[in-house]
C-alpha atoms as a PDB file:
ATOM      1  CA  UNK A   1     138.274  67.010 136.308  1.00  0.00           C
ATOM      2  CA  UNK A   2     140.906  69.179 137.942  1.00  0.00           C
ATOM      3  CA  UNK A   3     139.334  72.252 136.382  1.00  0.00           C
ATOM      4  CA  UNK A   4     135.909  71.283 137.798  1.00  0.00           C
ATOM      5  CA  UNK A   5     137.293  70.771 141.320  1.00  0.00           C
ATOM      6  CA  UNK A   6     139.117  74.122 141.117  1.00  0.00           C
ATOM      7  CA  UNK A   7     135.919  75.887 140.040  1.00  0.00           C
ATOM      8  CA  UNK A   8     133.962  74.349 142.959  1.00  0.00           C
ATOM      9  CA  UNK A   9     136.621  75.511 145.458  1.00  0.00           C
ATOM     10  CA  UNK A  10     136.465  79.078 144.092  1.00  0.00           C
ATOM     11  CA  UNK A  11     132.640  79.144 144.343  1.00  0.00           C
ATOM     12  CA  UNK A  12     132.714  77.867 147.938  1.00  0.00           C
ATOM     13  CA  UNK A  13     135.268  80.543 148.870  1.00  0.00           C
ATOM     14  CA  UNK A  14     133.159  83.316 147.372  1.00  0.00           C
ATOM     15  CA  UNK A  15     130.019  82.077 149.144  1.00  0.00           C
ATOM     16  CA  UNK A  16     131.864  81.937 152.487  1.00  0.00           C
ATOM     17  CA  UNK A  17     133.118  85.542 152.129  1.00  0.00           C
ATOM     18  CA  UNK A  18     129.671  86.767 151.159  1.00  0.00           C
ATOM     19  CA  UNK A  19     128.068  85.113 154.192  1.00  0.00           C
ATOM     20  CA  UNK A  20     130.712  86.532 156.519  1.00  0.00           C
ATOM     21  CA  UNK A  21     130.278  90.049 155.119  1.00  0.00           C
ATOM     22  CA  UNK A  22     126.492  89.871 155.484  1.00  0.00           C
ATOM     23  CA  UNK A  23     126.786  88.678 159.080  1.00  0.00           C
ATOM     24  CA  UNK A  24     129.161  91.497 159.954  1.00  0.00           C
ATOM     25  CA  UNK A  25     126.856  94.050 158.322  1.00  0.00           C
ATOM     26  CA  UNK A  26     123.821  92.738 160.222  1.00  0.00           C
ATOM     27  CA  UNK A  27     125.817  92.715 163.447  1.00  0.00           C
ATOM     28  CA  UNK A  28     126.913  96.287 162.927  1.00  0.00           C
ATOM     29  CA  UNK A  29     123.308  97.370 162.227  1.00  0.00           C
ATOM     30  CA  UNK A  30     122.020  95.697 165.392  1.00  0.00           C
ATOM     31  CA  UNK A  31     124.861  97.179 167.403  1.00  0.00           C
ATOM     32  CA  UNK A  32     124.102 100.646 166.046  1.00  0.00           C
ATOM     33  CA  UNK A  33     120.375 100.262 166.673  1.00  0.00           C
ATOM     34  CA  UNK A  34     120.843  99.030 170.240  1.00  0.00           C
ATOM     35  CA  UNK A  35     123.211 101.837 171.192  1.00  0.00           C
ATOM     36  CA  UNK A  36     121.102 104.912 170.406  1.00  0.00           C
ATOM     37  CA  UNK A  37     122.378 107.686 172.632  1.00  0.00           C
ATOM     38  CA  UNK A  38     120.618 110.698 174.065  1.00  0.00           C
ATOM     39  CA  UNK A  39     122.849 113.180 172.161  1.00  0.00           C
ATOM     40  CA  UNK A  40     121.747 111.522 168.886  1.00  0.00           C
ATOM     41  CA  UNK A  41     118.141 111.914 169.963  1.00  0.00           C
ATOM     42  CA  UNK A  42     118.721 115.556 170.677  1.00  0.00           C
ATOM     43  CA  UNK A  43     120.262 115.998 167.236  1.00  0.00           C
ATOM     44  CA  UNK A  44     117.202 114.371 165.643  1.00  0.00           C
ATOM     45  CA  UNK A  45     114.952 116.673 167.685  1.00  0.00           C
ATOM     46  CA  UNK A  46     116.897 119.773 166.685  1.00  0.00           C
ATOM     47  CA  UNK A  47     116.782 118.824 163.021  1.00  0.00           C
ATOM     48  CA  UNK A  48     113.077 118.069 163.145  1.00  0.00           C
ATOM     49  CA  UNK A  49     112.131 121.177 165.097  1.00  0.00           C
ATOM     50  CA  UNK A  50     113.791 123.457 162.546  1.00  0.00           C
ATOM     51  CA  UNK A  51     111.834 121.978 159.659  1.00  0.00           C
ATOM     52  CA  UNK A  52     108.668 123.754 158.534  1.00  0.00           C
ATOM     53  CA  UNK A  53     106.940 122.682 155.340  1.00  0.00           C
ATOM     54  CA  UNK A  54     106.230 125.292 152.682  1.00  0.00           C
ATOM     55  CA  UNK A  55     102.716 123.974 152.130  1.00  0.00           C
ATOM     56  CA  UNK A  56     101.737 124.579 155.779  1.00  0.00           C
ATOM     57  CA  UNK A  57     103.069 128.148 155.585  1.00  0.00           C
ATOM     58  CA  UNK A  58     100.993 128.880 152.497  1.00  0.00           C
ATOM     59  CA  UNK A  59      97.720 127.635 154.023  1.00  0.00           C
ATOM     60  CA  UNK A  60      98.316 128.912 157.569  1.00  0.00           C
ATOM     61  CA  UNK A  61      95.778 131.282 159.081  1.00  0.00           C
ATOM     62  CA  UNK A  62      97.297 134.571 160.210  1.00  0.00           C
ATOM     63  CA  UNK A  63      97.425 135.028 163.960  1.00  0.00           C
ATOM     64  CA  UNK A  64      96.982 138.668 164.993  1.00  0.00           C
ATOM     65  CA  UNK A  65      96.834 140.147 168.492  1.00  0.00           C
ATOM     66  CA  UNK A  66      94.835 143.387 168.454  1.00  0.00           C
ATOM     67  CA  UNK A  67      95.076 145.868 171.344  1.00  0.00           C
ATOM     68  CA  UNK A  68      92.937 149.014 171.518  1.00  0.00           C
ATOM     69  CA  UNK A  69      93.158 152.049 173.793  1.00  0.00           C
ATOM     70  CA  UNK A  70      90.215 154.498 173.884  1.00  0.00           C
ATOM     71  CA  UNK A  71      89.587 157.582 176.012  1.00  0.00           C
ATOM     72  CA  UNK A  72      86.095 159.106 176.083  1.00  0.00           C
ATOM     73  CA  UNK A  73      84.456 162.083 177.780  1.00  0.00           C
ATOM     74  CA  UNK A  74      81.036 161.546 179.318  1.00  0.00           C
ATOM     75  CA  UNK A  75      78.669 163.841 181.209  1.00  0.00           C
ATOM     76  CA  UNK A  76      77.334 160.791 183.072  1.00  0.00           C
ATOM     77  CA  UNK A  77      80.040 158.180 183.608  1.00  0.00           C
ATOM     78  CA  UNK A  78      77.705 155.792 185.445  1.00  0.00           C
ATOM     79  CA  UNK A  79      75.252 155.771 182.543  1.00  0.00           C
ATOM     80  CA  UNK A  80      78.094 155.221 180.069  1.00  0.00           C
ATOM     81  CA  UNK A  81      79.473 152.364 182.146  1.00  0.00           C
ATOM     82  CA  UNK A  82      76.081 150.619 182.319  1.00  0.00           C
ATOM     83  CA  UNK A  83      75.563 150.956 178.550  1.00  0.00           C
ATOM     84  CA  UNK A  84      79.017 149.528 177.827  1.00  0.00           C
ATOM     85  CA  UNK A  85      78.452 146.695 180.295  1.00  0.00           C
ATOM     86  CA  UNK A  86      75.203 145.676 178.572  1.00  0.00           C
ATOM     87  CA  UNK A  87      76.722 145.880 175.095  1.00  0.00           C
ATOM     88  CA  UNK A  88      79.742 143.878 176.209  1.00  0.00           C
ATOM     89  CA  UNK A  89      77.489 141.031 177.351  1.00  0.00           C
ATOM     90  CA  UNK A  90      75.754 141.117 173.976  1.00  0.00           C
ATOM     91  CA  UNK A  91      79.116 140.715 172.234  1.00  0.00           C
ATOM     92  CA  UNK A  92      80.224 137.880 174.578  1.00  0.00           C
ATOM     93  CA  UNK A  93      83.009 139.969 176.102  1.00  0.00           C
ATOM     94  CA  UNK A  94      83.952 140.480 179.731  1.00  0.00           C
ATOM     95  CA  UNK A  95      85.711 142.895 182.069  1.00  0.00           C
ATOM     96  CA  UNK A  96      89.240 141.794 182.862  1.00  0.00           C
ATOM     97  CA  UNK A  97      89.690 144.690 185.298  1.00  0.00           C
ATOM     98  CA  UNK A  98      87.558 147.597 186.558  1.00  0.00           C
ATOM     99  CA  UNK A  99      88.915 150.631 188.398  1.00  0.00           C
ATOM    100  CA  UNK A 100      86.566 153.418 189.417  1.00  0.00           C
ATOM    101  CA  UNK A 101      86.673 156.703 191.262  1.00  0.00           C
ATOM    102  CA  UNK A 102      84.444 159.758 191.378  1.00  0.00           C
ATOM    103  CA  UNK A 103      83.608 160.821 187.799  1.00  0.00           C
ATOM    104  CA  UNK A 104      85.993 158.259 186.260  1.00  0.00           C
ATOM    105  CA  UNK A 105      86.110 154.605 185.113  1.00  0.00           C
ATOM    106  CA  UNK A 106      89.175 152.740 183.866  1.00  0.00           C
ATOM    107  CA  UNK A 107      88.173 149.455 182.195  1.00  0.00           C
ATOM    108  CA  UNK A 108      90.198 146.573 180.785  1.00  0.00           C
ATOM    109  CA  UNK A 109      87.999 144.601 178.398  1.00  0.00           C
ATOM    110  CA  UNK A 110      88.458 141.260 176.602  1.00  0.00           C
ATOM    111  CA  UNK A 111      86.190 140.764 173.603  1.00  0.00           C
ATOM    112  CA  UNK A 112      86.073 138.193 170.758  1.00  0.00           C
ATOM    113  CA  UNK A 113      88.090 139.455 167.806  1.00  0.00           C
ATOM    114  CA  UNK A 114      85.130 139.114 165.439  1.00  0.00           C
ATOM    115  CA  UNK A 115      83.096 141.541 167.599  1.00  0.00           C
ATOM    116  CA  UNK A 116      85.849 144.055 168.342  1.00  0.00           C
ATOM    117  CA  UNK A 117      85.235 146.607 165.614  1.00  0.00           C
ATOM    118  CA  UNK A 118      81.449 146.481 166.039  1.00  0.00           C
ATOM    119  CA  UNK A 119      81.986 147.250 169.724  1.00  0.00           C
ATOM    120  CA  UNK A 120      84.317 150.138 168.850  1.00  0.00           C
ATOM    121  CA  UNK A 121      81.644 151.507 166.483  1.00  0.00           C
ATOM    122  CA  UNK A 122      79.105 151.365 169.311  1.00  0.00           C
ATOM    123  CA  UNK A 123      81.404 153.383 171.574  1.00  0.00           C
ATOM    124  CA  UNK A 124      82.083 155.970 168.874  1.00  0.00           C
ATOM    125  CA  UNK A 125      78.376 156.364 168.109  1.00  0.00           C
ATOM    126  CA  UNK A 126      77.305 156.795 171.735  1.00  0.00           C
ATOM    127  CA  UNK A 127      80.253 158.514 173.409  1.00  0.00           C
ATOM    128  CA  UNK A 128      82.528 161.445 172.728  1.00  0.00           C
ATOM    129  CA  UNK A 129      85.831 159.805 171.840  1.00  0.00           C
ATOM    130  CA  UNK A 130      88.835 161.981 172.668  1.00  0.00           C
ATOM    131  CA  UNK A 131      91.534 159.514 171.670  1.00  0.00           C
ATOM    132  CA  UNK A 132      91.749 156.093 170.009  1.00  0.00           C
ATOM    133  CA  UNK A 133      94.782 153.911 169.376  1.00  0.00           C
ATOM    134  CA  UNK A 134      94.751 150.473 167.692  1.00  0.00           C
ATOM    135  CA  UNK A 135      97.832 148.259 167.749  1.00  0.00           C
ATOM    136  CA  UNK A 136      98.129 144.983 165.798  1.00  0.00           C
ATOM    137  CA  UNK A 137     100.853 142.412 166.479  1.00  0.00           C
ATOM    138  CA  UNK A 138     101.421 139.583 163.990  1.00  0.00           C
ATOM    139  CA  UNK A 139     102.363 136.403 165.891  1.00  0.00           C
ATOM    140  CA  UNK A 140     101.739 133.984 163.024  1.00  0.00           C
ATOM    141  CA  UNK A 141     105.346 132.806 162.790  1.00  0.00           C
ATOM    142  CA  UNK A 142     105.699 132.433 166.553  1.00  0.00           C
ATOM    143  CA  UNK A 143     102.424 130.526 166.824  1.00  0.00           C
ATOM    144  CA  UNK A 144     103.088 127.958 164.110  1.00  0.00           C
ATOM    145  CA  UNK A 145     106.733 127.588 165.080  1.00  0.00           C
ATOM    146  CA  UNK A 146     105.649 126.722 168.627  1.00  0.00           C
ATOM    147  CA  UNK A 147     102.968 124.374 167.317  1.00  0.00           C
ATOM    148  CA  UNK A 148     105.499 122.634 165.062  1.00  0.00           C
ATOM    149  CA  UNK A 149     108.017 122.270 167.883  1.00  0.00           C
ATOM    150  CA  UNK A 150     105.355 120.645 170.049  1.00  0.00           C
ATOM    151  CA  UNK A 151     104.541 118.099 167.328  1.00  0.00           C
ATOM    152  CA  UNK A 152     108.216 117.285 166.745  1.00  0.00           C
ATOM    153  CA  UNK A 153     108.872 116.838 170.449  1.00  0.00           C
ATOM    154  CA  UNK A 154     105.835 114.576 170.762  1.00  0.00           C
ATOM    155  CA  UNK A 155     107.165 112.402 167.920  1.00  0.00           C
ATOM    156  CA  UNK A 156     110.580 112.238 169.563  1.00  0.00           C
ATOM    157  CA  UNK A 157     108.963 111.497 172.922  1.00  0.00           C
ATOM    158  CA  UNK A 158     107.114 108.532 171.451  1.00  0.00           C
ATOM    159  CA  UNK A 159     110.357 107.210 169.906  1.00  0.00           C
ATOM    160  CA  UNK A 160     112.148 107.478 173.239  1.00  0.00           C
ATOM    161  CA  UNK A 161     109.315 105.650 175.001  1.00  0.00           C
ATOM    162  CA  UNK A 162     109.465 102.849 172.443  1.00  0.00           C
ATOM    163  CA  UNK A 163     113.226 102.625 172.852  1.00  0.00           C
ATOM    164  CA  UNK A 164     112.832 102.587 176.649  1.00  0.00           C
ATOM    165  CA  UNK A 165     110.675  99.453 176.419  1.00  0.00           C
ATOM    166  CA  UNK A 166     113.501  97.603 174.676  1.00  0.00           C
ATOM    167  CA  UNK A 167     116.453  99.086 176.577  1.00  0.00           C
ATOM    168  CA  UNK A 168     118.389  96.721 178.851  1.00  0.00           C
ATOM    169  CA  UNK A 169     121.315  98.857 179.969  1.00  0.00           C
ATOM    170  CA  UNK A 170     120.530 100.562 183.317  1.00  0.00           C
ATOM    171  CA  UNK A 171     122.638 103.609 182.514  1.00  0.00           C
ATOM    172  CA  UNK A 172     120.883 104.148 179.195  1.00  0.00           C
ATOM    173  CA  UNK A 173     117.470 103.615 180.820  1.00  0.00           C
ATOM    174  CA  UNK A 174     118.187 106.369 183.345  1.00  0.00           C
ATOM    175  CA  UNK A 175     119.425 108.741 180.645  1.00  0.00           C
ATOM    176  CA  UNK A 176     116.404 108.112 178.443  1.00  0.00           C
ATOM    177  CA  UNK A 177     113.985 108.529 181.360  1.00  0.00           C
ATOM    178  CA  UNK A 178     115.638 111.834 182.218  1.00  0.00           C
ATOM    179  CA  UNK A 179     115.312 112.967 178.607  1.00  0.00           C
ATOM    180  CA  UNK A 180     111.653 111.877 178.576  1.00  0.00           C
ATOM    181  CA  UNK A 181     110.950 113.945 181.696  1.00  0.00           C
ATOM    182  CA  UNK A 182     112.664 116.980 180.165  1.00  0.00           C
ATOM    183  CA  UNK A 183     110.731 116.612 176.916  1.00  0.00           C
ATOM    184  CA  UNK A 184     107.439 116.206 178.782  1.00  0.00           C
ATOM    185  CA  UNK A 185     108.082 119.422 180.722  1.00  0.00           C
ATOM    186  CA  UNK A 186     109.029 121.293 177.546  1.00  0.00           C
ATOM    187  CA  UNK A 187     105.889 120.088 175.768  1.00  0.00           C
ATOM    188  CA  UNK A 188     103.610 121.128 178.637  1.00  0.00           C
ATOM    189  CA  UNK A 189     105.284 124.554 178.847  1.00  0.00           C
ATOM    190  CA  UNK A 190     104.964 125.100 175.100  1.00  0.00           C
ATOM    191  CA  UNK A 191     101.324 124.029 175.159  1.00  0.00           C
ATOM    192  CA  UNK A 192     100.666 126.551 177.932  1.00  0.00           C
ATOM    193  CA  UNK A 193     102.369 129.307 175.939  1.00  0.00           C
ATOM    194  CA  UNK A 194     100.450 128.320 172.821  1.00  0.00           C
ATOM    195  CA  UNK A 195      97.169 128.378 174.745  1.00  0.00           C
ATOM    196  CA  UNK A 196      97.881 131.880 176.082  1.00  0.00           C
ATOM    197  CA  UNK A 197      98.869 133.030 172.601  1.00  0.00           C
ATOM    198  CA  UNK A 198      95.676 131.626 171.114  1.00  0.00           C
ATOM    199  CA  UNK A 199      93.625 133.305 173.855  1.00  0.00           C
ATOM    200  CA  UNK A 200      95.245 136.657 173.067  1.00  0.00           C
ATOM    201  CA  UNK A 201      94.431 136.138 169.385  1.00  0.00           C
ATOM    202  CA  UNK A 202      90.827 135.049 169.961  1.00  0.00           C
ATOM    203  CA  UNK A 203      90.044 137.757 172.535  1.00  0.00           C
ATOM    204  CA  UNK A 204      91.257 141.257 171.757  1.00  0.00           C
ATOM    205  CA  UNK A 205      92.244 143.559 174.607  1.00  0.00           C
ATOM    206  CA  UNK A 206      90.584 146.979 174.887  1.00  0.00           C
ATOM    207  CA  UNK A 207      91.362 149.554 177.571  1.00  0.00           C
ATOM    208  CA  UNK A 208      88.649 152.178 178.002  1.00  0.00           C
ATOM    209  CA  UNK A 209      89.029 155.352 180.049  1.00  0.00           C
ATOM    210  CA  UNK A 210      85.684 157.064 180.790  1.00  0.00           C
ATOM    211  CA  UNK A 211      85.797 160.429 182.529  1.00  0.00           C
ATOM    212  CA  UNK A 212      83.800 163.626 183.063  1.00  0.00           C
ATOM    213  CA  UNK A 213      86.351 166.446 182.694  1.00  0.00           C
ATOM    214  CA  UNK A 214      83.889 169.169 183.703  1.00  0.00           C
ATOM    215  CA  UNK A 215      82.942 167.421 186.937  1.00  0.00           C
ATOM    216  CA  UNK A 216      86.577 166.603 187.637  1.00  0.00           C
ATOM    217  CA  UNK A 217      87.513 170.236 186.983  1.00  0.00           C
ATOM    218  CA  UNK A 218      84.683 171.456 189.241  1.00  0.00           C
ATOM    219  CA  UNK A 219      85.720 169.055 191.985  1.00  0.00           C
ATOM    220  CA  UNK A 220      89.298 170.180 191.542  1.00  0.00           C
ATOM    221  CA  UNK A 221      88.260 173.836 191.834  1.00  0.00           C
ATOM    222  CA  UNK A 222      86.278 173.162 195.013  1.00  0.00           C
ATOM    223  CA  UNK A 223      89.166 171.212 196.420  1.00  0.00           C
ATOM    224  CA  UNK A 224      91.581 173.994 195.512  1.00  0.00           C
ATOM    225  CA  UNK A 225      89.306 176.556 197.180  1.00  0.00           C
ATOM    226  CA  UNK A 226      89.204 174.387 200.260  1.00  0.00           C
ATOM    227  CA  UNK A 227      92.996 174.161 200.249  1.00  0.00           C
ATOM    228  CA  UNK A 228      93.240 177.928 199.799  1.00  0.00           C
ATOM    229  CA  UNK A 229      90.890 178.496 202.753  1.00  0.00           C
ATOM    230  CA  UNK A 230      92.924 176.141 204.915  1.00  0.00           C
ATOM    231  CA  UNK A 231      96.113 177.929 203.890  1.00  0.00           C
ATOM    232  CA  UNK A 232      94.542 181.342 204.683  1.00  0.00           C
ATOM    233  CA  UNK A 233      93.326 180.243 208.112  1.00  0.00           C
ATOM    234  CA  UNK A 234      96.669 178.665 208.850  1.00  0.00           C
ATOM    235  CA  UNK A 235      98.485 181.865 207.861  1.00  0.00           C
ATOM    236  CA  UNK A 236      95.989 184.017 209.827  1.00  0.00           C
ATOM    237  CA  UNK A 237      96.308 182.100 213.074  1.00  0.00           C
ATOM    238  CA  UNK A 238     100.049 181.757 212.578  1.00  0.00           C
ATOM    239  CA  UNK A 239     100.225 185.555 212.250  1.00  0.00           C
ATOM    240  CA  UNK A 240      98.179 186.078 215.414  1.00  0.00           C
ATOM    241  CA  UNK A 241     100.311 183.616 217.308  1.00  0.00           C
ATOM    242  CA  UNK A 242     103.484 185.251 216.028  1.00  0.00           C
ATOM    243  CA  UNK A 243     102.145 188.682 217.070  1.00  0.00           C
ATOM    244  CA  UNK A 244     101.262 187.477 220.559  1.00  0.00           C
ATOM    245  CA  UNK A 245     104.628 185.835 221.036  1.00  0.00           C
ATOM    246  CA  UNK A 246     106.390 188.971 219.825  1.00  0.00           C
ATOM    247  CA  UNK A 247     104.211 191.203 221.951  1.00  0.00           C
ATOM    248  CA  UNK A 248     104.820 189.142 225.053  1.00  0.00           C
ATOM    249  CA  UNK A 249     108.537 189.017 224.363  1.00  0.00           C
ATOM    250  CA  UNK A 250     108.630 192.803 224.004  1.00  0.00           C
ATOM    251  CA  UNK A 251     106.263 193.502 226.932  1.00  0.00           C
ATOM    252  CA  UNK A 252     108.121 191.481 229.554  1.00  0.00           C
ATOM    253  CA  UNK A 253     111.114 193.878 229.805  1.00  0.00           C
ATOM    254  CA  UNK A 254     108.749 196.879 229.978  1.00  0.00           C
ATOM    255  CA  UNK A 255     106.691 195.263 232.715  1.00  0.00           C
ATOM    256  CA  UNK A 256     109.841 194.451 234.655  1.00  0.00           C
ATOM    257  CA  UNK A 257     111.088 198.037 234.327  1.00  0.00           C
ATOM    258  CA  UNK A 258     107.726 199.425 235.476  1.00  0.00           C
ATOM    259  CA  UNK A 259     107.640 197.005 238.386  1.00  0.00           C
ATOM    260  CA  UNK A 260     111.144 198.016 239.415  1.00  0.00           C
ATOM    261  CA  UNK A 261     110.258 201.702 239.089  1.00  0.00           C
ATOM    262  CA  UNK A 262     107.179 201.227 241.251  1.00  0.00           C
ATOM    263  CA  UNK A 263     109.172 199.265 243.811  1.00  0.00           C
ATOM    264  CA  UNK A 264     111.808 201.981 244.059  1.00  0.00           C
ATOM    265  CA  UNK A 265     109.431 204.936 244.040  1.00  0.00           C
ATOM    266  CA  UNK A 266     106.353 203.646 245.790  1.00  0.00           C
ATOM    267  CA  UNK A 267     107.295 200.279 247.217  1.00  0.00           C
ATOM    268  CA  UNK A 268     109.309 199.403 250.273  1.00  0.00           C
ATOM    269  CA  UNK A 269     112.053 201.792 249.277  1.00  0.00           C
ATOM    270  CA  UNK A 270     109.482 204.483 248.472  1.00  0.00           C
ATOM    271  CA  UNK A 271     111.826 207.301 247.503  1.00  0.00           C
ATOM    272  CA  UNK A 272     109.093 209.472 246.052  1.00  0.00           C
ATOM    273  CA  UNK A 273     106.827 208.665 248.954  1.00  0.00           C
ATOM    274  CA  UNK A 274     109.507 209.698 251.478  1.00  0.00           C
ATOM    275  CA  UNK A 275     110.267 212.861 249.514  1.00  0.00           C
ATOM    276  CA  UNK A 276     106.612 213.772 249.465  1.00  0.00           C
ATOM    277  CA  UNK A 277     106.326 213.260 253.191  1.00  0.00           C
ATOM    278  CA  UNK A 278     109.315 215.543 253.831  1.00  0.00           C
ATOM    279  CA  UNK A 279     107.890 218.298 251.661  1.00  0.00           C
ATOM    280  CA  UNK A 280     104.549 217.945 253.317  1.00  0.00           C
END
């Protein structure tokens, strides 16, 4: 009987300790869950944003930005411009910028990447290409890294919003709302950057310089002749003016001397006149 009572006491003690331990563990879990801090959220975000799955890298489409620079010589730049304009419409491209002067066009063109090389072939077949440069920039890693960061931030944003609905501490509510605003701004900025990056990938950039060197050279020669004529006339009239100024400067003393001589000899003093009268 004593052994039975002793065994019951031991069992009750063990059950009491087990219940107490379970309560403490549940309490600690609830306490930990209800006290999620913003720094922890940031740590989760940082860990998530740095993770990129190998499978997505293997199946990812390459993102390439292609930029082309072409310079052509044309005997009729207006005709060349019109032909390029019509072909560009056919290939669903557009002019991003157009600068023109006499016998010259400088065009900045955006054209779908799938039509770029066909458009280049058209230019080479119809114009005299003096120079061509093609530059390709691989932005695959940047693109998918930005895309992945957006997804991770959106997941974290949703977690913070869910936590905000259950938060009761005013200080924590303010901190979480501030973090939500920051995340929202970051997501919108990244989406804008991703959109611009995708646009640069989808539409290649082509700068086209169309000029008529012969006409430009002829215009330059005429202009140079005009400048030479102006310089000659300027030098000619400057020489005449310089001569007149020098002549006047040299003539004034002579005129004064002659006037004085006349005054003394034939003027009021009239020395020669008086001498002549005496001789006469």
